[in-house]
PDB file of N, CA and C in Angstrom:
ATOM      1  N   MET A   1       2.033  11.911  -5.630  1.00  0.00           N
ATOM      2  CA  MET A   1       2.448  11.598  -6.986  1.00  0.00           C
ATOM      3  C   MET A   1       1.280  11.009  -7.786  1.00  0.00           C
ATOM      4  N   THR A   2       0.406  10.237  -7.141  1.00  0.00           N
ATOM      5  CA  THR A   2      -0.680   9.616  -7.900  1.00  0.00           C
ATOM      6  C   THR A   2      -1.678  10.640  -8.423  1.00  0.00           C
ATOM      7  N   LYS A   3      -1.773  11.778  -7.762  1.00  0.00           N
ATOM      8  CA  LYS A   3      -2.698  12.814  -8.230  1.00  0.00           C
ATOM      9  C   LYS A   3      -2.265  13.375  -9.579  1.00  0.00           C
ATOM     10  N   LEU A   4      -0.979  13.310  -9.883  1.00  0.00           N
ATOM     11  CA  LEU A   4      -0.486  13.822 -11.166  1.00  0.00           C
ATOM     12  C   LEU A   4      -0.955  12.980 -12.343  1.00  0.00           C
ATOM     13  N   THR A   5      -1.334  11.737 -12.087  1.00  0.00           N
ATOM     14  CA  THR A   5      -1.713  10.832 -13.176  1.00  0.00           C
ATOM     15  C   THR A   5      -3.224  10.684 -13.334  1.00  0.00           C
ATOM     16  N   GLN A   6      -4.000  11.399 -12.539  1.00  0.00           N
ATOM     17  CA  GLN A   6      -5.454  11.304 -12.642  1.00  0.00           C
ATOM     18  C   GLN A   6      -5.968  12.080 -13.847  1.00  0.00           C
ATOM     19  N   LYS A   7      -7.088  11.602 -14.384  1.00  0.00           N
ATOM     20  CA  LYS A   7      -7.720  12.292 -15.502  1.00  0.00           C
ATOM     21  C   LYS A   7      -8.245  13.642 -15.030  1.00  0.00           C
ATOM     22  N   LYS A   8      -8.286  14.567 -15.924  1.00  0.00           N
ATOM     23  CA  LYS A   8      -8.826  15.912 -15.691  1.00  0.00           C
ATOM     24  C   LYS A   8      -8.034  16.717 -14.660  1.00  0.00           C
ATOM     25  N   ILE A   9      -6.838  16.256 -14.316  1.00  0.00           N
ATOM     26  CA  ILE A   9      -5.967  16.998 -13.407  1.00  0.00           C
ATOM     27  C   ILE A   9      -4.834  17.593 -14.240  1.00  0.00           C
ATOM     28  N   LYS A  10      -4.674  18.899 -14.145  1.00  0.00           N
ATOM     29  CA  LYS A  10      -3.609  19.567 -14.890  1.00  0.00           C
ATOM     30  C   LYS A  10      -2.255  19.160 -14.306  1.00  0.00           C
ATOM     31  N   PHE A  11      -1.332  18.781 -15.188  1.00  0.00           N
ATOM     32  CA  PHE A  11      -0.003  18.361 -14.749  1.00  0.00           C
ATOM     33  C   PHE A  11       0.814  19.589 -14.374  1.00  0.00           C
ATOM     34  N   GLU A  12       1.141  19.691 -13.093  1.00  0.00           N
ATOM     35  CA  GLU A  12       1.977  20.786 -12.605  1.00  0.00           C
ATOM     36  C   GLU A  12       3.100  20.202 -11.763  1.00  0.00           C
ATOM     37  N   TRP A  13       4.326  20.588 -12.059  1.00  0.00           N
ATOM     38  CA  TRP A  13       5.489  20.085 -11.318  1.00  0.00           C
ATOM     39  C   TRP A  13       6.101  21.249 -10.558  1.00  0.00           C
ATOM     40  N   GLY A  14       5.980  21.191  -9.232  1.00  0.00           N
ATOM     41  CA  GLY A  14       6.522  22.254  -8.395  1.00  0.00           C
ATOM     42  C   GLY A  14       7.381  21.678  -7.287  1.00  0.00           C
ATOM     43  N   ASP A  15       7.639  22.478  -6.278  1.00  0.00           N
ATOM     44  CA  ASP A  15       8.479  22.045  -5.154  1.00  0.00           C
ATOM     45  C   ASP A  15       7.872  20.864  -4.407  1.00  0.00           C
ATOM     46  N   LYS A  16       6.559  20.882  -4.215  1.00  0.00           N
ATOM     47  CA  LYS A  16       5.888  19.792  -3.493  1.00  0.00           C
ATOM     48  C   LYS A  16       6.024  18.469  -4.248  1.00  0.00           C
ATOM     49  N   GLN A  17       5.823  18.497  -5.551  1.00  0.00           N
ATOM     50  CA  GLN A  17       5.934  17.286  -6.368  1.00  0.00           C
ATOM     51  C   GLN A  17       7.381  16.803  -6.429  1.00  0.00           C
ATOM     52  N   GLU A  18       8.320  17.728  -6.531  1.00  0.00           N
ATOM     53  CA  GLU A  18       9.741  17.360  -6.561  1.00  0.00           C
ATOM     54  C   GLU A  18      10.157  16.711  -5.251  1.00  0.00           C
ATOM     55  N   ALA A  19       9.691  17.252  -4.120  1.00  0.00           N
ATOM     56  CA  ALA A  19      10.020  16.672  -2.814  1.00  0.00           C
ATOM     57  C   ALA A  19       9.440  15.268  -2.683  1.00  0.00           C
ATOM     58  N   ALA A  20       8.205  15.072  -3.147  1.00  0.00           N
ATOM     59  CA  ALA A  20       7.581  13.745  -3.102  1.00  0.00           C
ATOM     60  C   ALA A  20       8.347  12.762  -3.983  1.00  0.00           C
ATOM     61  N   PHE A  21       8.776  13.221  -5.160  1.00  0.00           N
ATOM     62  CA  PHE A  21       9.539  12.365  -6.063  1.00  0.00           C
ATOM     63  C   PHE A  21      10.881  11.966  -5.452  1.00  0.00           C
ATOM     64  N   GLN A  22      11.578  12.909  -4.849  1.00  0.00           N
ATOM     65  CA  GLN A  22      12.875  12.613  -4.230  1.00  0.00           C
ATOM     66  C   GLN A  22      12.717  11.640  -3.061  1.00  0.00           C
ATOM     67  N   LEU A  23      11.661  11.811  -2.260  1.00  0.00           N
ATOM     68  CA  LEU A  23      11.402  10.892  -1.149  1.00  0.00           C
ATOM     69  C   LEU A  23      11.096   9.495  -1.668  1.00  0.00           C
ATOM     70  N   LEU A  24      10.274   9.406  -2.702  1.00  0.00           N
ATOM     71  CA  LEU A  24       9.952   8.117  -3.304  1.00  0.00           C
ATOM     72  C   LEU A  24      11.201   7.449  -3.858  1.00  0.00           C
ATOM     73  N   LYS A  25      12.042   8.213  -4.521  1.00  0.00           N
ATOM     74  CA  LYS A  25      13.289   7.680  -5.078  1.00  0.00           C
ATOM     75  C   LYS A  25      14.201   7.159  -3.968  1.00  0.00           C
ATOM     76  N   GLN A  26      14.286   7.906  -2.865  1.00  0.00           N
ATOM     77  CA  GLN A  26      15.114   7.480  -1.734  1.00  0.00           C
ATOM     78  C   GLN A  26      14.589   6.178  -1.134  1.00  0.00           C
ATOM     79  N   LYS A  27      13.267   6.088  -0.957  1.00  0.00           N
ATOM     80  CA  LYS A  27      12.667   4.888  -0.363  1.00  0.00           C
ATOM     81  C   LYS A  27      12.863   3.671  -1.261  1.00  0.00           C
ATOM     82  N   LEU A  28      12.767   3.861  -2.567  1.00  0.00           N
ATOM     83  CA  LEU A  28      12.931   2.742  -3.495  1.00  0.00           C
ATOM     84  C   LEU A  28      14.376   2.261  -3.581  1.00  0.00           C
ATOM     85  N   CYS A  29      15.314   3.145  -3.309  1.00  0.00           N
ATOM     86  CA  CYS A  29      16.730   2.792  -3.420  1.00  0.00           C
ATOM     87  C   CYS A  29      17.330   2.296  -2.109  1.00  0.00           C
ATOM     88  N   SER A  30      16.634   2.468  -1.001  1.00  0.00           N
ATOM     89  CA  SER A  30      17.171   1.999   0.282  1.00  0.00           C
ATOM     90  C   SER A  30      16.728   0.556   0.525  1.00  0.00           C
ATOM     91  N   ALA A  31      17.555  -0.177   1.232  1.00  0.00           N
ATOM     92  CA  ALA A  31      17.287  -1.592   1.480  1.00  0.00           C
ATOM     93  C   ALA A  31      16.180  -1.763   2.518  1.00  0.00           C
ATOM     94  N   PRO A  32      15.109  -2.472   2.172  1.00  0.00           N
ATOM     95  CA  PRO A  32      14.059  -2.731   3.157  1.00  0.00           C
ATOM     96  C   PRO A  32      14.507  -3.800   4.150  1.00  0.00           C
ATOM     97  N   ILE A  33      13.919  -3.782   5.308  1.00  0.00           N
ATOM     98  CA  ILE A  33      14.259  -4.781   6.315  1.00  0.00           C
ATOM     99  C   ILE A  33      13.157  -5.833   6.303  1.00  0.00           C
ATOM    100  N   LEU A  34      13.298  -6.789   5.414  1.00  0.00           N
ATOM    101  CA  LEU A  34      12.342  -7.875   5.281  1.00  0.00           C
ATOM    102  C   LEU A  34      13.057  -9.194   5.511  1.00  0.00           C
ATOM    103  N   ALA A  35      12.329 -10.159   6.044  1.00  0.00           N
ATOM    104  CA  ALA A  35      12.900 -11.483   6.285  1.00  0.00           C
ATOM    105  C   ALA A  35      12.490 -12.427   5.159  1.00  0.00           C
ATOM    106  N   LEU A  36      13.264 -13.466   4.981  1.00  0.00           N
ATOM    107  CA  LEU A  36      12.907 -14.517   4.037  1.00  0.00           C
ATOM    108  C   LEU A  36      12.055 -15.552   4.757  1.00  0.00           C
ATOM    109  N   PRO A  37      11.082 -16.151   4.073  1.00  0.00           N
ATOM    110  CA  PRO A  37      10.267 -17.181   4.720  1.00  0.00           C
ATOM    111  C   PRO A  37      11.108 -18.400   5.082  1.00  0.00           C
ATOM    112  N   GLU A  38      10.767 -19.004   6.216  1.00  0.00           N
ATOM    113  CA  GLU A  38      11.449 -20.218   6.666  1.00  0.00           C
ATOM    114  C   GLU A  38      10.421 -21.341   6.738  1.00  0.00           C
ATOM    115  N   GLY A  39      10.522 -22.287   5.838  1.00  0.00           N
ATOM    116  CA  GLY A  39       9.552 -23.378   5.814  1.00  0.00           C
ATOM    117  C   GLY A  39       8.218 -22.907   5.272  1.00  0.00           C
ATOM    118  N   CYS A  40       7.176 -23.655   5.609  1.00  0.00           N
ATOM    119  CA  CYS A  40       5.850 -23.305   5.080  1.00  0.00           C
ATOM    120  C   CYS A  40       4.791 -23.272   6.184  1.00  0.00           C
ATOM    121  N   GLU A  41       5.186 -22.958   7.404  1.00  0.00           N
ATOM    122  CA  GLU A  41       4.242 -22.914   8.519  1.00  0.00           C
ATOM    123  C   GLU A  41       4.302 -21.572   9.232  1.00  0.00           C
ATOM    124  N   ASP A  42       3.304 -21.339  10.075  1.00  0.00           N
ATOM    125  CA  ASP A  42       3.236 -20.173  10.958  1.00  0.00           C
ATOM    126  C   ASP A  42       3.138 -18.839  10.229  1.00  0.00           C
ATOM    127  N   PHE A  43       2.475 -18.793   9.100  1.00  0.00           N
ATOM    128  CA  PHE A  43       2.286 -17.530   8.398  1.00  0.00           C
ATOM    129  C   PHE A  43       1.040 -16.826   8.919  1.00  0.00           C
ATOM    130  N   ILE A  44       1.114 -15.520   9.015  1.00  0.00           N
ATOM    131  CA  ILE A  44      -0.022 -14.704   9.434  1.00  0.00           C
ATOM    132  C   ILE A  44      -0.153 -13.551   8.446  1.00  0.00           C
ATOM    133  N   VAL A  45      -1.380 -13.275   8.037  1.00  0.00           N
ATOM    134  CA  VAL A  45      -1.653 -12.145   7.154  1.00  0.00           C
ATOM    135  C   VAL A  45      -2.496 -11.136   7.930  1.00  0.00           C
ATOM    136  N   TYR A  46      -1.992  -9.924   8.059  1.00  0.00           N
ATOM    137  CA  TYR A  46      -2.738  -8.824   8.662  1.00  0.00           C
ATOM    138  C   TYR A  46      -3.205  -7.916   7.532  1.00  0.00           C
ATOM    139  N   PHE A  47      -4.414  -7.421   7.643  1.00  0.00           N
ATOM    140  CA  PHE A  47      -4.929  -6.525   6.616  1.00  0.00           C
ATOM    141  C   PHE A  47      -5.832  -5.495   7.266  1.00  0.00           C
ATOM    142  N   ASP A  48      -5.995  -4.378   6.598  1.00  0.00           N
ATOM    143  CA  ASP A  48      -6.890  -3.344   7.098  1.00  0.00           C
ATOM    144  C   ASP A  48      -7.309  -2.440   5.948  1.00  0.00           C
ATOM    145  N   ALA A  49      -8.425  -1.774   6.166  1.00  0.00           N
ATOM    146  CA  ALA A  49      -8.933  -0.817   5.191  1.00  0.00           C
ATOM    147  C   ALA A  49      -9.343   0.451   5.925  1.00  0.00           C
ATOM    148  N   SER A  50      -9.197   1.555   5.249  1.00  0.00           N
ATOM    149  CA  SER A  50      -9.659   2.832   5.794  1.00  0.00           C
ATOM    150  C   SER A  50     -10.355   3.587   4.672  1.00  0.00           C
ATOM    151  N   ASN A  51     -10.785   4.790   4.955  1.00  0.00           N
ATOM    152  CA  ASN A  51     -11.420   5.582   3.901  1.00  0.00           C
ATOM    153  C   ASN A  51     -10.395   6.176   2.937  1.00  0.00           C
ATOM    154  N   LYS A  52      -9.114   5.873   3.158  1.00  0.00           N
ATOM    155  CA  LYS A  52      -8.035   6.352   2.281  1.00  0.00           C
ATOM    156  C   LYS A  52      -7.402   5.239   1.451  1.00  0.00           C
ATOM    157  N   GLY A  53      -7.313   4.006   2.016  1.00  0.00           N
ATOM    158  CA  GLY A  53      -6.623   2.961   1.281  1.00  0.00           C
ATOM    159  C   GLY A  53      -6.717   1.595   1.928  1.00  0.00           C
ATOM    160  N   LEU A  54      -5.992   0.648   1.326  1.00  0.00           N
ATOM    161  CA  LEU A  54      -5.932  -0.736   1.786  1.00  0.00           C
ATOM    162  C   LEU A  54      -4.491  -1.074   2.134  1.00  0.00           C
ATOM    163  N   GLY A  55      -4.316  -1.950   3.107  1.00  0.00           N
ATOM    164  CA  GLY A  55      -2.970  -2.360   3.481  1.00  0.00           C
ATOM    165  C   GLY A  55      -2.937  -3.802   3.937  1.00  0.00           C
ATOM    166  N   ALA A  56      -1.778  -4.429   3.779  1.00  0.00           N
ATOM    167  CA  ALA A  56      -1.613  -5.816   4.201  1.00  0.00           C
ATOM    168  C   ALA A  56      -0.159  -6.071   4.578  1.00  0.00           C
ATOM    169  N   VAL A  57       0.024  -6.952   5.557  1.00  0.00           N
ATOM    170  CA  VAL A  57       1.360  -7.366   5.981  1.00  0.00           C
ATOM    171  C   VAL A  57       1.356  -8.883   6.083  1.00  0.00           C
ATOM    172  N   PHE A  58       2.355  -9.522   5.497  1.00  0.00           N
ATOM    173  CA  PHE A  58       2.528 -10.972   5.517  1.00  0.00           C
ATOM    174  C   PHE A  58       3.691 -11.273   6.453  1.00  0.00           C
ATOM    175  N   MET A  59       3.424 -12.020   7.535  1.00  0.00           N
ATOM    176  CA  MET A  59       4.444 -12.253   8.562  1.00  0.00           C
ATOM    177  C   MET A  59       4.615 -13.736   8.852  1.00  0.00           C
ATOM    178  N   GLN A  60       5.785 -14.049   9.388  1.00  0.00           N
ATOM    179  CA  GLN A  60       6.078 -15.393   9.868  1.00  0.00           C
ATOM    180  C   GLN A  60       6.970 -15.253  11.090  1.00  0.00           C
ATOM    181  N   ARG A  61       6.518 -15.832  12.190  1.00  0.00           N
ATOM    182  CA  ARG A  61       7.271 -15.796  13.455  1.00  0.00           C
ATOM    183  C   ARG A  61       7.687 -14.373  13.834  1.00  0.00           C
ATOM    184  N   GLU A  62       6.738 -13.454  13.771  1.00  0.00           N
ATOM    185  CA  GLU A  62       6.920 -12.051  14.158  1.00  0.00           C
ATOM    186  C   GLU A  62       7.919 -11.282  13.290  1.00  0.00           C
ATOM    187  N   LYS A  63       8.217 -11.797  12.112  1.00  0.00           N
ATOM    188  CA  LYS A  63       9.092 -11.103  11.160  1.00  0.00           C
ATOM    189  C   LYS A  63       8.291 -10.774   9.909  1.00  0.00           C
ATOM    190  N   VAL A  64       8.474  -9.566   9.408  1.00  0.00           N
ATOM    191  CA  VAL A  64       7.758  -9.137   8.205  1.00  0.00           C
ATOM    192  C   VAL A  64       8.394  -9.787   6.980  1.00  0.00           C
ATOM    193  N   ILE A  65       7.577 -10.486   6.220  1.00  0.00           N
ATOM    194  CA  ILE A  65       8.029 -11.120   4.978  1.00  0.00           C
ATOM    195  C   ILE A  65       7.762 -10.170   3.801  1.00  0.00           C
ATOM    196  N   SER A  66       6.576  -9.595   3.783  1.00  0.00           N
ATOM    197  CA  SER A  66       6.244  -8.614   2.746  1.00  0.00           C
ATOM    198  C   SER A  66       5.104  -7.725   3.232  1.00  0.00           C
ATOM    199  N   HIS A  67       4.938  -6.620   2.550  1.00  0.00           N
ATOM    200  CA  HIS A  67       3.853  -5.698   2.875  1.00  0.00           C
ATOM    201  C   HIS A  67       3.419  -4.992   1.605  1.00  0.00           C
ATOM    202  N   ALA A  68       2.187  -4.525   1.605  1.00  0.00           N
ATOM    203  CA  ALA A  68       1.662  -3.821   0.439  1.00  0.00           C
ATOM    204  C   ALA A  68       0.561  -2.869   0.886  1.00  0.00           C
ATOM    205  N   SER A  69       0.409  -1.802   0.144  1.00  0.00           N
ATOM    206  CA  SER A  69      -0.685  -0.870   0.402  1.00  0.00           C
ATOM    207  C   SER A  69      -0.998  -0.120  -0.881  1.00  0.00           C
ATOM    208  N   ARG A  70      -2.178   0.432  -0.923  1.00  0.00           N
ATOM    209  CA  ARG A  70      -2.553   1.255  -2.068  1.00  0.00           C
ATOM    210  C   ARG A  70      -3.702   2.166  -1.679  1.00  0.00           C
ATOM    211  N   GLN A  71      -3.833   3.244  -2.438  1.00  0.00           N
ATOM    212  CA  GLN A  71      -4.947   4.162  -2.237  1.00  0.00           C
ATOM    213  C   GLN A  71      -6.220   3.540  -2.785  1.00  0.00           C
ATOM    214  N   LEU A  72      -7.344   3.992  -2.258  1.00  0.00           N
ATOM    215  CA  LEU A  72      -8.620   3.543  -2.799  1.00  0.00           C
ATOM    216  C   LEU A  72      -8.834   4.149  -4.178  1.00  0.00           C
ATOM    217  N   LYS A  73      -9.448   3.369  -5.047  1.00  0.00           N
ATOM    218  CA  LYS A  73      -9.861   3.900  -6.340  1.00  0.00           C
ATOM    219  C   LYS A  73     -11.109   4.755  -6.107  1.00  0.00           C
ATOM    220  N   ILE A  74     -11.413   5.607  -7.038  1.00  0.00           N
ATOM    221  CA  ILE A  74     -12.506   6.560  -6.852  1.00  0.00           C
ATOM    222  C   ILE A  74     -13.819   5.856  -6.523  1.00  0.00           C
ATOM    223  N   HIS A  75     -14.154   4.784  -7.242  1.00  0.00           N
ATOM    224  CA  HIS A  75     -15.420   4.098  -6.971  1.00  0.00           C
ATOM    225  C   HIS A  75     -15.404   3.361  -5.632  1.00  0.00           C
ATOM    226  N   GLU A  76     -14.223   2.962  -5.146  1.00  0.00           N
ATOM    227  CA  GLU A  76     -14.144   2.253  -3.865  1.00  0.00           C
ATOM    228  C   GLU A  76     -14.406   3.182  -2.679  1.00  0.00           C
ATOM    229  N   LYS A  77     -14.261   4.468  -2.873  1.00  0.00           N
ATOM    230  CA  LYS A  77     -14.511   5.421  -1.784  1.00  0.00           C
ATOM    231  C   LYS A  77     -15.977   5.433  -1.367  1.00  0.00           C
ATOM    232  N   ASN A  78     -16.851   4.880  -2.203  1.00  0.00           N
ATOM    233  CA  ASN A  78     -18.276   4.797  -1.886  1.00  0.00           C
ATOM    234  C   ASN A  78     -18.641   3.501  -1.164  1.00  0.00           C
ATOM    235  N   TYR A  79     -17.701   2.579  -1.022  1.00  0.00           N
ATOM    236  CA  TYR A  79     -17.986   1.292  -0.390  1.00  0.00           C
ATOM    237  C   TYR A  79     -18.288   1.472   1.095  1.00  0.00           C
ATOM    238  N   MET A  80     -19.132   0.611   1.613  1.00  0.00           N
ATOM    239  CA  MET A  80     -19.391   0.589   3.050  1.00  0.00           C
ATOM    240  C   MET A  80     -18.211  -0.092   3.745  1.00  0.00           C
ATOM    241  N   THR A  81     -18.117   0.075   5.056  1.00  0.00           N
ATOM    242  CA  THR A  81     -16.962  -0.411   5.813  1.00  0.00           C
ATOM    243  C   THR A  81     -16.733  -1.902   5.625  1.00  0.00           C
ATOM    244  N   HIS A  82     -17.782  -2.711   5.755  1.00  0.00           N
ATOM    245  CA  HIS A  82     -17.592  -4.161   5.632  1.00  0.00           C
ATOM    246  C   HIS A  82     -17.156  -4.555   4.220  1.00  0.00           C
ATOM    247  N   ASP A  83     -17.605  -3.821   3.208  1.00  0.00           N
ATOM    248  CA  ASP A  83     -17.161  -4.102   1.840  1.00  0.00           C
ATOM    249  C   ASP A  83     -15.687  -3.737   1.651  1.00  0.00           C
ATOM    250  N   LEU A  84     -15.259  -2.645   2.275  1.00  0.00           N
ATOM    251  CA  LEU A  84     -13.845  -2.256   2.195  1.00  0.00           C
ATOM    252  C   LEU A  84     -12.956  -3.285   2.893  1.00  0.00           C
ATOM    253  N   GLU A  85     -13.412  -3.774   4.049  1.00  0.00           N
ATOM    254  CA  GLU A  85     -12.625  -4.785   4.764  1.00  0.00           C
ATOM    255  C   GLU A  85     -12.500  -6.055   3.930  1.00  0.00           C
ATOM    256  N   LEU A  86     -13.582  -6.467   3.286  1.00  0.00           N
ATOM    257  CA  LEU A  86     -13.522  -7.639   2.412  1.00  0.00           C
ATOM    258  C   LEU A  86     -12.613  -7.371   1.221  1.00  0.00           C
ATOM    259  N   ARG A  87     -12.638  -6.162   0.699  1.00  0.00           N
ATOM    260  CA  ARG A  87     -11.741  -5.795  -0.403  1.00  0.00           C
ATOM    261  C   ARG A  87     -10.287  -5.875   0.044  1.00  0.00           C
ATOM    262  N   ALA A  88     -10.024  -5.524   1.307  1.00  0.00           N
ATOM    263  CA  ALA A  88      -8.666  -5.617   1.848  1.00  0.00           C
ATOM    264  C   ALA A  88      -8.215  -7.073   1.927  1.00  0.00           C
ATOM    265  N   VAL A  89      -9.136  -7.986   2.262  1.00  0.00           N
ATOM    266  CA  VAL A  89      -8.799  -9.419   2.289  1.00  0.00           C
ATOM    267  C   VAL A  89      -8.394  -9.879   0.897  1.00  0.00           C
ATOM    268  N   VAL A  90      -9.195  -9.524  -0.100  1.00  0.00           N
ATOM    269  CA  VAL A  90      -8.891  -9.917  -1.486  1.00  0.00           C
ATOM    270  C   VAL A  90      -7.565  -9.310  -1.923  1.00  0.00           C
ATOM    271  N   PHE A  91      -7.338  -8.052  -1.587  1.00  0.00           N
ATOM    272  CA  PHE A  91      -6.077  -7.384  -1.924  1.00  0.00           C
ATOM    273  C   PHE A  91      -4.891  -8.088  -1.268  1.00  0.00           C
ATOM    274  N   ALA A  92      -5.056  -8.489  -0.002  1.00  0.00           N
ATOM    275  CA  ALA A  92      -3.961  -9.129   0.739  1.00  0.00           C
ATOM    276  C   ALA A  92      -3.591 -10.482   0.149  1.00  0.00           C
ATOM    277  N   LEU A  93      -4.588 -11.205  -0.304  1.00  0.00           N
ATOM    278  CA  LEU A  93      -4.310 -12.548  -0.812  1.00  0.00           C
ATOM    279  C   LEU A  93      -3.981 -12.515  -2.282  1.00  0.00           C
TER     280      LEU A  93
END
């Protein structure tokens, strides 16, 4: 879906885009299995970066409190590995 919003990309809506939209709609409407934080201790933040995107998970006592991910921006695809990992830390926090 994000490719449809990029500059210089012709907007085309076909079966592939419709399937992606329906899947996204289903995921947004279904209840996630997340826990509420209990107190203010024992929090752990996991993060990672790849050549495709950044991700982070916020946990407490082995329960997922929240999670986030995103694709790399075009200029970030040129970053070296250690710079991407540091970018993932900033993204997570």
